[in-house]
Amino acid sequence: MLAPPPFGYDATAVRPDWASLSADLRAAVVERLGSPVVSATTAGAGFTSGFAAVLETAAGERVFVKAARSADQRHLCDWYAHEARVAAALPAAVPAPRPRWTLATADWFVLCAEAVDGRTPALPWSDADLSAALDAWAIAAAALVEPPPALLDLRLPSLSTMLREDLTEWAGIAAGRVPLPLGAEPARDQLAALAALEGTAPALADMAGAALIHCDLRVDNVLIDAGERAWLCDWNWLCHGPAWFDTAMLLISAYAGGLDADRLWATHPTAAAAPAGALDAALAALSGYFLTRASAAVTDGSPHLRAHQRWSGEAALSWLLTRNGWS
């Protein structure tokens, strides 16, 4: 078991609360809701600084609302608009909150979605929480093997392109173009091998055809409801790719918590069709990406983002080194 992350995944975000929003924005949201807001619970999970909270109205309705300013959070406005289009088009079988409505004012973009009465799983994972998350992902992945036309019409990106263009850090490190990042020291003698594994990832991902994946499946994008069912949230990064990639991403935190991640991988439905070398290729690409990004400057999105990336990168690298007998 590795050391736990130096933060809680349910408390990574620094967000404005409902009372601090402008009166004009609150009035616009209340008008769309059709009833005054009587309570607001700010979301603690996530790595962005946009408004996000569960709102309850006097009429008894509960909704989850995100909002971003167009002046200085344009990227969040774009993300929320894209997320609304994606979530609305997901197959019914996918266990994900659906959007209710969107609202664009002169200064804000607002996304209102179904509110899930749930909690972020604690780390280390309990067997029950992880089983629920893996089951939810198996259901979602099966539903996305043949995407509906509404999703195909969005012309979503491909994982193979992202792997080829953005997740090639070990190659840069091995060639001396990128400094060895903090946390990568255990791999100093395996740089060429890691670069080679990373380099196989795009071709392996290309085998998925039109299938779609979440592409950001981590613990803080999972909610466990009162019935112990898992919901998968934040579908902003949906892309064409193989489901086994998201399974590997989710299991990094399981490995860090001392669970038998190799057994969980081998027995998950998404790994049944995974080509040889898929898990090692995914871990190589993800570990290099996370560790390199962790060395960048702190962002204004969350003070915990770089720590999350380093912890995830170190866990992915440790799993990969152990699997190959390099540790």
C-alpha atoms as a PDB file:
ATOM      1  CA  MET A   1       0.000   0.000   0.000  1.00  0.00           C
ATOM      2  CA  LEU A   2       1.280   3.446  -0.926  1.00  0.00           C
ATOM      3  CA  ALA A   3       0.894   6.573   1.188  1.00  0.00           C
ATOM      4  CA  PRO A   4      -2.562   8.128   0.767  1.00  0.00           C
ATOM      5  CA  PRO A   5      -2.885  11.421  -1.102  1.00  0.00           C
ATOM      6  CA  PRO A   6      -2.157  14.499   1.047  1.00  0.00           C
ATOM      7  CA  PHE A   7      -5.745  15.733   0.646  1.00  0.00           C
ATOM      8  CA  GLY A   8      -9.275  14.369   0.516  1.00  0.00           C
ATOM      9  CA  TYR A   9     -10.830  13.989  -2.920  1.00  0.00           C
ATOM     10  CA  ASP A  10     -14.066  15.370  -1.511  1.00  0.00           C
ATOM     11  CA  ALA A  11     -12.320  18.625  -0.569  1.00  0.00           C
ATOM     12  CA  THR A  12     -10.039  19.623  -3.434  1.00  0.00           C
ATOM     13  CA  ALA A  13     -12.006  22.530  -4.881  1.00  0.00           C
ATOM     14  CA  VAL A  14     -12.067  26.191  -3.877  1.00  0.00           C
ATOM     15  CA  ARG A  15     -15.358  27.581  -5.157  1.00  0.00           C
ATOM     16  CA  PRO A  16     -17.644  30.554  -4.602  1.00  0.00           C
ATOM     17  CA  ASP A  17     -20.742  29.773  -2.572  1.00  0.00           C
ATOM     18  CA  TRP A  18     -24.302  30.595  -3.556  1.00  0.00           C
ATOM     19  CA  ALA A  19     -24.495  33.719  -1.396  1.00  0.00           C
ATOM     20  CA  SER A  20     -21.392  35.206  -3.001  1.00  0.00           C
ATOM     21  CA  LEU A  21     -22.770  35.043  -6.548  1.00  0.00           C
ATOM     22  CA  SER A  22     -24.076  38.244  -8.064  1.00  0.00           C
ATOM     23  CA  ALA A  23     -27.678  39.112  -7.333  1.00  0.00           C
ATOM     24  CA  ASP A  24     -28.445  39.168 -11.072  1.00  0.00           C
ATOM     25  CA  LEU A  25     -27.134  35.617 -11.539  1.00  0.00           C
ATOM     26  CA  ARG A  26     -28.988  34.269  -8.523  1.00  0.00           C
ATOM     27  CA  ALA A  27     -32.180  35.893  -9.737  1.00  0.00           C
ATOM     28  CA  ALA A  28     -31.763  34.368 -13.207  1.00  0.00           C
ATOM     29  CA  VAL A  29     -31.226  30.882 -11.759  1.00  0.00           C
ATOM     30  CA  VAL A  30     -34.197  31.210  -9.409  1.00  0.00           C
ATOM     31  CA  GLU A  31     -36.376  32.346 -12.308  1.00  0.00           C
ATOM     32  CA  ARG A  32     -35.463  29.210 -14.269  1.00  0.00           C
ATOM     33  CA  LEU A  33     -36.012  27.016 -11.221  1.00  0.00           C
ATOM     34  CA  GLY A  34     -39.402  28.594 -10.634  1.00  0.00           C
ATOM     35  CA  SER A  35     -38.965  28.634  -6.869  1.00  0.00           C
ATOM     36  CA  PRO A  36     -36.635  30.345  -4.364  1.00  0.00           C
ATOM     37  CA  VAL A  37     -33.453  28.567  -3.289  1.00  0.00           C
ATOM     38  CA  VAL A  38     -33.669  27.634   0.377  1.00  0.00           C
ATOM     39  CA  SER A  39     -30.364  25.765   0.750  1.00  0.00           C
ATOM     40  CA  ALA A  40     -27.127  25.397  -1.197  1.00  0.00           C
ATOM     41  CA  THR A  41     -24.385  22.816  -0.588  1.00  0.00           C
ATOM     42  CA  THR A  42     -21.149  23.688  -2.385  1.00  0.00           C
ATOM     43  CA  ALA A  43     -19.358  20.776  -4.065  1.00  0.00           C
ATOM     44  CA  GLY A  44     -15.986  20.048  -2.506  1.00  0.00           C
ATOM     45  CA  ALA A  45     -14.673  17.659  -5.167  1.00  0.00           C
ATOM     46  CA  GLY A  46     -13.037  18.642  -8.437  1.00  0.00           C
ATOM     47  CA  PHE A  47     -10.150  20.763  -9.654  1.00  0.00           C
ATOM     48  CA  THR A  48     -11.878  23.808 -11.138  1.00  0.00           C
ATOM     49  CA  SER A  49     -12.878  27.089  -9.511  1.00  0.00           C
ATOM     50  CA  GLY A  50     -16.325  27.444 -11.064  1.00  0.00           C
ATOM     51  CA  PHE A  51     -19.460  27.561  -8.959  1.00  0.00           C
ATOM     52  CA  ALA A  52     -20.861  24.078  -8.306  1.00  0.00           C
ATOM     53  CA  ALA A  53     -23.505  23.253  -5.728  1.00  0.00           C
ATOM     54  CA  VAL A  54     -26.611  21.262  -4.992  1.00  0.00           C
ATOM     55  CA  LEU A  55     -29.508  23.712  -4.704  1.00  0.00           C
ATOM     56  CA  GLU A  56     -32.802  22.942  -2.985  1.00  0.00           C
ATOM     57  CA  THR A  57     -35.838  25.077  -3.704  1.00  0.00           C
ATOM     58  CA  ALA A  58     -38.850  25.980  -1.601  1.00  0.00           C
ATOM     59  CA  ALA A  59     -40.857  23.665  -3.853  1.00  0.00           C
ATOM     60  CA  GLY A  60     -38.675  20.731  -2.734  1.00  0.00           C
ATOM     61  CA  GLU A  61     -36.716  20.330  -5.959  1.00  0.00           C
ATOM     62  CA  ARG A  62     -33.004  19.429  -5.744  1.00  0.00           C
ATOM     63  CA  VAL A  63     -30.669  20.171  -8.646  1.00  0.00           C
ATOM     64  CA  PHE A  64     -26.950  20.384  -9.259  1.00  0.00           C
ATOM     65  CA  VAL A  65     -25.874  23.717 -10.739  1.00  0.00           C
ATOM     66  CA  LYS A  66     -22.539  24.741 -12.256  1.00  0.00           C
ATOM     67  CA  ALA A  67     -21.745  28.306 -13.318  1.00  0.00           C
ATOM     68  CA  ALA A  68     -18.721  30.080 -14.785  1.00  0.00           C
ATOM     69  CA  ARG A  69     -17.948  33.697 -15.699  1.00  0.00           C
ATOM     70  CA  SER A  70     -17.494  34.470 -19.378  1.00  0.00           C
ATOM     71  CA  ALA A  71     -14.958  37.230 -18.619  1.00  0.00           C
ATOM     72  CA  ASP A  72     -12.257  35.139 -16.943  1.00  0.00           C
ATOM     73  CA  GLN A  73     -13.541  31.550 -17.027  1.00  0.00           C
ATOM     74  CA  ARG A  74     -14.321  31.198 -20.711  1.00  0.00           C
ATOM     75  CA  HIS A  75     -12.771  27.724 -20.802  1.00  0.00           C
ATOM     76  CA  LEU A  76     -15.160  26.587 -18.060  1.00  0.00           C
ATOM     77  CA  CYS A  77     -18.126  28.064 -19.928  1.00  0.00           C
ATOM     78  CA  ASP A  78     -17.095  26.065 -22.983  1.00  0.00           C
ATOM     79  CA  TRP A  79     -16.572  22.904 -20.910  1.00  0.00           C
ATOM     80  CA  TYR A  80     -19.978  23.185 -19.255  1.00  0.00           C
ATOM     81  CA  ALA A  81     -21.723  23.790 -22.579  1.00  0.00           C
ATOM     82  CA  HIS A  82     -19.976  20.759 -24.082  1.00  0.00           C
ATOM     83  CA  GLU A  83     -20.750  18.651 -21.000  1.00  0.00           C
ATOM     84  CA  ALA A  84     -24.435  19.503 -21.333  1.00  0.00           C
ATOM     85  CA  ARG A  85     -24.500  18.365 -24.964  1.00  0.00           C
ATOM     86  CA  VAL A  86     -22.655  15.135 -24.153  1.00  0.00           C
ATOM     87  CA  ALA A  87     -24.682  14.211 -21.067  1.00  0.00           C
ATOM     88  CA  ALA A  88     -27.974  14.831 -22.859  1.00  0.00           C
ATOM     89  CA  ALA A  89     -26.967  12.380 -25.597  1.00  0.00           C
ATOM     90  CA  LEU A  90     -25.642   9.555 -23.416  1.00  0.00           C
ATOM     91  CA  PRO A  91     -27.489   6.237 -23.788  1.00  0.00           C
ATOM     92  CA  ALA A  92     -30.137   5.667 -21.122  1.00  0.00           C
ATOM     93  CA  ALA A  93     -28.179   2.749 -19.635  1.00  0.00           C
ATOM     94  CA  VAL A  94     -25.224   4.958 -18.678  1.00  0.00           C
ATOM     95  CA  PRO A  95     -25.445   5.762 -14.936  1.00  0.00           C
ATOM     96  CA  ALA A  96     -24.811   9.500 -15.189  1.00  0.00           C
ATOM     97  CA  PRO A  97     -26.719  12.625 -14.107  1.00  0.00           C
ATOM     98  CA  ARG A  98     -28.585  14.227 -17.005  1.00  0.00           C
ATOM     99  CA  PRO A  99     -28.827  17.969 -17.710  1.00  0.00           C
ATOM    100  CA  ARG A 100     -32.061  19.820 -16.997  1.00  0.00           C
ATOM    101  CA  TRP A 101     -31.293  23.105 -18.733  1.00  0.00           C
ATOM    102  CA  THR A 102     -28.590  25.631 -19.559  1.00  0.00           C
ATOM    103  CA  LEU A 103     -28.626  29.398 -19.236  1.00  0.00           C
ATOM    104  CA  ALA A 104     -26.365  31.991 -20.826  1.00  0.00           C
ATOM    105  CA  THR A 105     -26.395  35.555 -19.531  1.00  0.00           C
ATOM    106  CA  ALA A 106     -24.163  38.429 -20.562  1.00  0.00           C
ATOM    107  CA  ASP A 107     -21.649  37.426 -17.888  1.00  0.00           C
ATOM    108  CA  TRP A 108     -22.282  33.768 -16.996  1.00  0.00           C
ATOM    109  CA  PHE A 109     -22.949  30.303 -18.360  1.00  0.00           C
ATOM    110  CA  VAL A 110     -25.032  28.011 -16.159  1.00  0.00           C
ATOM    111  CA  LEU A 111     -25.598  24.260 -16.367  1.00  0.00           C
ATOM    112  CA  CYS A 112     -28.383  22.724 -14.294  1.00  0.00           C
ATOM    113  CA  ALA A 113     -28.378  18.930 -13.947  1.00  0.00           C
ATOM    114  CA  GLU A 114     -29.988  16.201 -11.919  1.00  0.00           C
ATOM    115  CA  ALA A 115     -28.730  16.087  -8.360  1.00  0.00           C
ATOM    116  CA  VAL A 116     -27.398  12.736  -7.166  1.00  0.00           C
ATOM    117  CA  ASP A 117     -27.780  12.233  -3.424  1.00  0.00           C
ATOM    118  CA  GLY A 118     -24.373  10.644  -3.075  1.00  0.00           C
ATOM    119  CA  ARG A 119     -20.862  10.825  -1.683  1.00  0.00           C
ATOM    120  CA  THR A 120     -17.365  10.748  -3.115  1.00  0.00           C
ATOM    121  CA  PRO A 121     -15.755   7.378  -2.285  1.00  0.00           C
ATOM    122  CA  ALA A 122     -13.102   7.528   0.413  1.00  0.00           C
ATOM    123  CA  LEU A 123      -9.551   6.317  -0.153  1.00  0.00           C
ATOM    124  CA  PRO A 124      -8.361   3.686   0.294  1.00  0.00           C
ATOM    125  CA  TRP A 125     -11.295   2.207  -1.606  1.00  0.00           C
ATOM    126  CA  SER A 126     -13.653  -0.098   0.239  1.00  0.00           C
ATOM    127  CA  ASP A 127     -14.421  -3.295  -1.640  1.00  0.00           C
ATOM    128  CA  ALA A 128     -18.073  -2.293  -1.909  1.00  0.00           C
ATOM    129  CA  ASP A 129     -17.423   1.191  -3.313  1.00  0.00           C
ATOM    130  CA  LEU A 130     -14.866  -0.010  -5.840  1.00  0.00           C
ATOM    131  CA  SER A 131     -17.094  -2.870  -6.935  1.00  0.00           C
ATOM    132  CA  ALA A 132     -19.959  -0.419  -7.473  1.00  0.00           C
ATOM    133  CA  ALA A 133     -17.735   1.929  -9.487  1.00  0.00           C
ATOM    134  CA  LEU A 134     -16.358  -0.872 -11.651  1.00  0.00           C
ATOM    135  CA  ASP A 135     -19.855  -2.257 -12.232  1.00  0.00           C
ATOM    136  CA  ALA A 136     -21.120   1.187 -13.253  1.00  0.00           C
ATOM    137  CA  TRP A 137     -18.226   1.578 -15.669  1.00  0.00           C
ATOM    138  CA  ALA A 138     -18.855  -1.875 -17.173  1.00  0.00           C
ATOM    139  CA  ILE A 139     -22.482  -0.893 -17.837  1.00  0.00           C
ATOM    140  CA  ALA A 140     -21.510   2.488 -19.291  1.00  0.00           C
ATOM    141  CA  ALA A 141     -18.742   1.039 -21.454  1.00  0.00           C
ATOM    142  CA  ALA A 142     -21.069  -1.600 -22.912  1.00  0.00           C
ATOM    143  CA  ALA A 143     -23.618   1.078 -23.775  1.00  0.00           C
ATOM    144  CA  LEU A 144     -20.954   3.151 -25.545  1.00  0.00           C
ATOM    145  CA  VAL A 145     -19.487   0.434 -27.771  1.00  0.00           C
ATOM    146  CA  GLU A 146     -21.908   1.514 -30.497  1.00  0.00           C
ATOM    147  CA  PRO A 147     -22.580   5.209 -29.767  1.00  0.00           C
ATOM    148  CA  PRO A 148     -25.928   6.743 -30.712  1.00  0.00           C
ATOM    149  CA  PRO A 149     -25.986   9.179 -33.645  1.00  0.00           C
ATOM    150  CA  ALA A 150     -26.428  12.158 -31.300  1.00  0.00           C
ATOM    151  CA  LEU A 151     -22.995  11.478 -29.797  1.00  0.00           C
ATOM    152  CA  LEU A 152     -21.350  10.716 -33.130  1.00  0.00           C
ATOM    153  CA  ASP A 153     -22.686  14.020 -34.443  1.00  0.00           C
ATOM    154  CA  LEU A 154     -20.580  15.833 -31.818  1.00  0.00           C
ATOM    155  CA  ARG A 155     -17.415  14.792 -33.700  1.00  0.00           C
ATOM    156  CA  LEU A 156     -15.596  13.891 -30.516  1.00  0.00           C
ATOM    157  CA  PRO A 157     -11.797  13.523 -30.413  1.00  0.00           C
ATOM    158  CA  SER A 158      -9.963  10.201 -30.365  1.00  0.00           C
ATOM    159  CA  LEU A 159      -7.853   8.870 -27.530  1.00  0.00           C
ATOM    160  CA  SER A 160      -5.235   7.627 -29.983  1.00  0.00           C
ATOM    161  CA  THR A 161      -4.642  11.177 -31.213  1.00  0.00           C
ATOM    162  CA  MET A 162      -4.317  12.470 -27.654  1.00  0.00           C
ATOM    163  CA  LEU A 163      -1.900   9.668 -26.801  1.00  0.00           C
ATOM    164  CA  ARG A 164       0.155  10.415 -29.895  1.00  0.00           C
ATOM    165  CA  GLU A 165       0.253  14.186 -29.410  1.00  0.00           C
ATOM    166  CA  ASP A 166       0.002  14.836 -25.660  1.00  0.00           C
ATOM    167  CA  LEU A 167       0.967  11.712 -23.695  1.00  0.00           C
ATOM    168  CA  THR A 168       4.531  11.133 -24.871  1.00  0.00           C
ATOM    169  CA  GLU A 169       6.429  12.406 -21.854  1.00  0.00           C
ATOM    170  CA  TRP A 170       8.667   9.364 -21.301  1.00  0.00           C
ATOM    171  CA  ALA A 171       9.955   9.722 -24.854  1.00  0.00           C
ATOM    172  CA  GLY A 172      10.897  13.325 -24.126  1.00  0.00           C
ATOM    173  CA  ILE A 173      12.506  12.387 -20.816  1.00  0.00           C
ATOM    174  CA  ALA A 174      14.461   9.506 -22.363  1.00  0.00           C
ATOM    175  CA  ALA A 175      15.729  11.811 -25.130  1.00  0.00           C
ATOM    176  CA  GLY A 176      16.767  14.494 -22.655  1.00  0.00           C
ATOM    177  CA  ARG A 177      14.237  17.046 -23.933  1.00  0.00           C
ATOM    178  CA  VAL A 178      12.235  16.949 -20.695  1.00  0.00           C
ATOM    179  CA  PRO A 179      13.843  16.927 -17.223  1.00  0.00           C
ATOM    180  CA  LEU A 180      13.216  13.884 -15.055  1.00  0.00           C
ATOM    181  CA  PRO A 181      10.239  15.046 -12.952  1.00  0.00           C
ATOM    182  CA  LEU A 182       9.938  14.706  -9.208  1.00  0.00           C
ATOM    183  CA  GLY A 183       8.560  11.276  -8.374  1.00  0.00           C
ATOM    184  CA  ALA A 184      10.072   9.610 -11.440  1.00  0.00           C
ATOM    185  CA  GLU A 185      13.415   8.744  -9.827  1.00  0.00           C
ATOM    186  CA  PRO A 186      12.557   5.024  -9.404  1.00  0.00           C
ATOM    187  CA  ALA A 187      12.316   4.792 -13.210  1.00  0.00           C
ATOM    188  CA  ARG A 188      15.673   6.396 -13.966  1.00  0.00           C
ATOM    189  CA  ASP A 189      17.139   3.121 -15.293  1.00  0.00           C
ATOM    190  CA  GLN A 190      14.038   2.206 -17.319  1.00  0.00           C
ATOM    191  CA  LEU A 191      13.455   5.343 -19.373  1.00  0.00           C
ATOM    192  CA  ALA A 192      13.923   3.686 -22.759  1.00  0.00           C
ATOM    193  CA  ALA A 193      11.585   0.849 -21.814  1.00  0.00           C
ATOM    194  CA  LEU A 194       8.944   3.261 -20.547  1.00  0.00           C
ATOM    195  CA  ALA A 195       9.191   5.333 -23.713  1.00  0.00           C
ATOM    196  CA  ALA A 196       8.751   2.169 -25.773  1.00  0.00           C
ATOM    197  CA  LEU A 197       5.665   1.108 -23.810  1.00  0.00           C
ATOM    198  CA  GLU A 198       4.208   4.597 -24.051  1.00  0.00           C
ATOM    199  CA  GLY A 199       4.812   4.535 -27.791  1.00  0.00           C
ATOM    200  CA  THR A 200       2.638   1.442 -28.254  1.00  0.00           C
ATOM    201  CA  ALA A 201      -0.422   3.107 -26.701  1.00  0.00           C
ATOM    202  CA  PRO A 202      -1.791   5.012 -29.746  1.00  0.00           C
ATOM    203  CA  ALA A 203      -1.918   1.920 -31.988  1.00  0.00           C
ATOM    204  CA  LEU A 204      -3.553  -0.131 -29.230  1.00  0.00           C
ATOM    205  CA  ALA A 205      -6.154   2.580 -28.667  1.00  0.00           C
ATOM    206  CA  ASP A 206      -6.869   2.703 -32.405  1.00  0.00           C
ATOM    207  CA  MET A 207      -8.361  -0.781 -32.208  1.00  0.00           C
ATOM    208  CA  ALA A 208     -11.471   0.488 -30.427  1.00  0.00           C
ATOM    209  CA  GLY A 209     -13.310   1.672 -33.522  1.00  0.00           C
ATOM    210  CA  ALA A 210     -16.170   4.060 -32.819  1.00  0.00           C
ATOM    211  CA  ALA A 211     -16.527   3.132 -29.124  1.00  0.00           C
ATOM    212  CA  LEU A 212     -16.558   6.017 -26.650  1.00  0.00           C
ATOM    213  CA  ILE A 213     -15.017   6.299 -23.182  1.00  0.00           C
ATOM    214  CA  HIS A 214     -15.234   8.710 -20.268  1.00  0.00           C
ATOM    215  CA  CYS A 215     -11.484   9.510 -20.472  1.00  0.00           C
ATOM    216  CA  ASP A 216     -11.296  10.973 -16.944  1.00  0.00           C
ATOM    217  CA  LEU A 217     -12.469   8.098 -14.759  1.00  0.00           C
ATOM    218  CA  ARG A 218     -11.065   8.816 -11.316  1.00  0.00           C
ATOM    219  CA  VAL A 219     -12.408   8.622  -7.779  1.00  0.00           C
ATOM    220  CA  ASP A 220     -13.737  12.200  -7.608  1.00  0.00           C
ATOM    221  CA  ASN A 221     -15.836  11.620 -10.720  1.00  0.00           C
ATOM    222  CA  VAL A 222     -17.709   8.824  -8.962  1.00  0.00           C
ATOM    223  CA  LEU A 223     -20.650   9.255  -6.578  1.00  0.00           C
ATOM    224  CA  ILE A 224     -22.049   6.449  -4.422  1.00  0.00           C
ATOM    225  CA  ASP A 225     -25.738   6.925  -3.651  1.00  0.00           C
ATOM    226  CA  ALA A 226     -27.777   5.754  -0.645  1.00  0.00           C
ATOM    227  CA  GLY A 227     -28.497   2.456  -2.387  1.00  0.00           C
ATOM    228  CA  GLU A 228     -24.750   1.850  -2.850  1.00  0.00           C
ATOM    229  CA  ARG A 229     -25.058   2.376  -6.595  1.00  0.00           C
ATOM    230  CA  ALA A 230     -22.293   4.274  -8.377  1.00  0.00           C
ATOM    231  CA  TRP A 231     -22.901   7.225 -10.684  1.00  0.00           C
ATOM    232  CA  LEU A 232     -20.266   8.473 -13.131  1.00  0.00           C
ATOM    233  CA  CYS A 233     -20.017  12.260 -13.413  1.00  0.00           C
ATOM    234  CA  ASP A 234     -18.245  14.950 -15.466  1.00  0.00           C
ATOM    235  CA  TRP A 235     -18.390  13.564 -19.010  1.00  0.00           C
ATOM    236  CA  ASN A 236     -16.663  16.586 -20.500  1.00  0.00           C
ATOM    237  CA  TRP A 237     -13.723  14.580 -21.919  1.00  0.00           C
ATOM    238  CA  LEU A 238     -15.733  11.883 -23.722  1.00  0.00           C
ATOM    239  CA  CYS A 239     -13.705  10.571 -26.648  1.00  0.00           C
ATOM    240  CA  HIS A 240     -13.373   7.626 -29.019  1.00  0.00           C
ATOM    241  CA  GLY A 241     -11.204   4.983 -27.420  1.00  0.00           C
ATOM    242  CA  PRO A 242     -11.068   1.590 -25.692  1.00  0.00           C
ATOM    243  CA  ALA A 243     -12.845   1.105 -22.389  1.00  0.00           C
ATOM    244  CA  TRP A 244      -9.829  -0.659 -20.891  1.00  0.00           C
ATOM    245  CA  PHE A 245      -7.981   2.678 -20.773  1.00  0.00           C
ATOM    246  CA  ASP A 246     -10.487   4.132 -18.292  1.00  0.00           C
ATOM    247  CA  THR A 247     -10.421   0.896 -16.300  1.00  0.00           C
ATOM    248  CA  ALA A 248      -6.655   1.223 -15.934  1.00  0.00           C
ATOM    249  CA  MET A 249      -7.041   4.855 -14.879  1.00  0.00           C
ATOM    250  CA  LEU A 250      -9.604   4.042 -12.193  1.00  0.00           C
ATOM    251  CA  LEU A 251      -7.563   1.117 -10.846  1.00  0.00           C
ATOM    252  CA  ILE A 252      -4.467   3.256 -10.230  1.00  0.00           C
ATOM    253  CA  SER A 253      -6.031   4.430  -6.975  1.00  0.00           C
ATOM    254  CA  ALA A 254      -7.038   0.861  -6.134  1.00  0.00           C
ATOM    255  CA  TYR A 255      -3.432  -0.276  -6.530  1.00  0.00           C
ATOM    256  CA  ALA A 256      -2.266   2.606  -4.333  1.00  0.00           C
ATOM    257  CA  GLY A 257      -4.661   1.428  -1.625  1.00  0.00           C
ATOM    258  CA  GLY A 258      -3.182  -2.050  -1.540  1.00  0.00           C
ATOM    259  CA  LEU A 259      -5.914  -3.844  -3.491  1.00  0.00           C
ATOM    260  CA  ASP A 260      -5.111  -6.516  -6.067  1.00  0.00           C
ATOM    261  CA  ALA A 261      -5.381  -4.222  -9.062  1.00  0.00           C
ATOM    262  CA  ASP A 262      -4.025  -6.843 -11.473  1.00  0.00           C
ATOM    263  CA  ARG A 263      -6.810  -9.260 -10.522  1.00  0.00           C
ATOM    264  CA  LEU A 264      -9.421  -6.495 -10.733  1.00  0.00           C
ATOM    265  CA  TRP A 265      -8.130  -5.594 -14.192  1.00  0.00           C
ATOM    266  CA  ALA A 266      -8.076  -9.180 -15.429  1.00  0.00           C
ATOM    267  CA  THR A 267     -11.632  -9.886 -14.261  1.00  0.00           C
ATOM    268  CA  HIS A 268     -13.284  -6.690 -15.483  1.00  0.00           C
ATOM    269  CA  PRO A 269     -15.400  -7.013 -18.657  1.00  0.00           C
ATOM    270  CA  THR A 270     -13.574  -4.169 -20.381  1.00  0.00           C
ATOM    271  CA  ALA A 271     -10.266  -6.063 -20.159  1.00  0.00           C
ATOM    272  CA  ALA A 272     -11.638  -9.153 -21.909  1.00  0.00           C
ATOM    273  CA  ALA A 273     -10.961  -7.691 -25.344  1.00  0.00           C
ATOM    274  CA  ALA A 274      -7.873  -5.677 -24.360  1.00  0.00           C
ATOM    275  CA  PRO A 275      -4.890  -6.437 -26.593  1.00  0.00           C
ATOM    276  CA  ALA A 276      -1.659  -7.746 -25.126  1.00  0.00           C
ATOM    277  CA  GLY A 277       0.292  -4.962 -23.473  1.00  0.00           C
ATOM    278  CA  ALA A 278      -2.723  -2.658 -23.060  1.00  0.00           C
ATOM    279  CA  LEU A 279      -2.422  -2.197 -19.302  1.00  0.00           C
ATOM    280  CA  ASP A 280       1.322  -1.501 -19.377  1.00  0.00           C
ATOM    281  CA  ALA A 281       0.886   0.936 -22.265  1.00  0.00           C
ATOM    282  CA  ALA A 282      -1.856   2.808 -20.407  1.00  0.00           C
ATOM    283  CA  LEU A 283       0.170   2.974 -17.186  1.00  0.00           C
ATOM    284  CA  ALA A 284       3.229   4.214 -19.051  1.00  0.00           C
ATOM    285  CA  ALA A 285       1.297   6.960 -20.840  1.00  0.00           C
ATOM    286  CA  LEU A 286      -0.571   8.035 -17.697  1.00  0.00           C
ATOM    287  CA  SER A 287       2.427   7.963 -15.338  1.00  0.00           C
ATOM    288  CA  GLY A 288       4.548  10.090 -17.645  1.00  0.00           C
ATOM    289  CA  TYR A 289       1.717  12.547 -18.200  1.00  0.00           C
ATOM    290  CA  PHE A 290       0.809  12.919 -14.530  1.00  0.00           C
ATOM    291  CA  LEU A 291       4.366  13.236 -13.236  1.00  0.00           C
ATOM    292  CA  THR A 292       5.359  15.797 -15.845  1.00  0.00           C
ATOM    293  CA  ARG A 293       2.214  17.892 -15.345  1.00  0.00           C
ATOM    294  CA  ALA A 294       2.760  17.798 -11.583  1.00  0.00           C
ATOM    295  CA  SER A 295       5.993  19.742 -12.037  1.00  0.00           C
ATOM    296  CA  ALA A 296       4.198  22.670 -13.680  1.00  0.00           C
ATOM    297  CA  ALA A 297       3.253  25.864 -11.859  1.00  0.00           C
ATOM    298  CA  VAL A 298       0.287  25.853  -9.493  1.00  0.00           C
ATOM    299  CA  THR A 299      -2.940  26.829 -11.240  1.00  0.00           C
ATOM    300  CA  ASP A 300      -5.822  28.930  -9.962  1.00  0.00           C
ATOM    301  CA  GLY A 301      -8.194  25.994 -10.495  1.00  0.00           C
ATOM    302  CA  SER A 302      -7.310  24.108  -7.305  1.00  0.00           C
ATOM    303  CA  PRO A 303      -4.379  24.244  -4.883  1.00  0.00           C
ATOM    304  CA  HIS A 304      -4.413  20.433  -4.849  1.00  0.00           C
ATOM    305  CA  LEU A 305      -4.210  19.749  -8.600  1.00  0.00           C
ATOM    306  CA  ARG A 306      -0.425  19.275  -8.746  1.00  0.00           C
ATOM    307  CA  ALA A 307      -0.455  17.047  -5.649  1.00  0.00           C
ATOM    308  CA  HIS A 308      -3.193  14.943  -7.258  1.00  0.00           C
ATOM    309  CA  GLN A 309      -1.164  14.599 -10.430  1.00  0.00           C
ATOM    310  CA  ARG A 310       2.016  13.648  -8.562  1.00  0.00           C
ATOM    311  CA  TRP A 311       0.256  11.119  -6.365  1.00  0.00           C
ATOM    312  CA  SER A 312      -1.500   9.572  -9.375  1.00  0.00           C
ATOM    313  CA  GLY A 313       1.716   9.509 -11.402  1.00  0.00           C
ATOM    314  CA  GLU A 314       3.729   7.902  -8.617  1.00  0.00           C
ATOM    315  CA  ALA A 315       1.035   5.267  -8.089  1.00  0.00           C
ATOM    316  CA  ALA A 316       0.783   4.472 -11.802  1.00  0.00           C
ATOM    317  CA  LEU A 317       4.551   4.257 -12.100  1.00  0.00           C
ATOM    318  CA  SER A 318       4.867   2.039  -9.022  1.00  0.00           C
ATOM    319  CA  TRP A 319       2.244  -0.353 -10.410  1.00  0.00           C
ATOM    320  CA  LEU A 320       3.980  -0.473 -13.795  1.00  0.00           C
ATOM    321  CA  LEU A 321       7.450  -1.017 -12.321  1.00  0.00           C
ATOM    322  CA  THR A 322       6.136  -3.768 -10.039  1.00  0.00           C
ATOM    323  CA  ARG A 323       4.307  -5.519 -12.893  1.00  0.00           C
ATOM    324  CA  ASN A 324       7.510  -5.644 -14.927  1.00  0.00           C
ATOM    325  CA  GLY A 325       9.856  -6.578 -12.091  1.00  0.00           C
ATOM    326  CA  TRP A 326      11.671  -3.231 -12.316  1.00  0.00           C
ATOM    327  CA  SER A 327      11.138  -2.166  -8.712  1.00  0.00           C
END
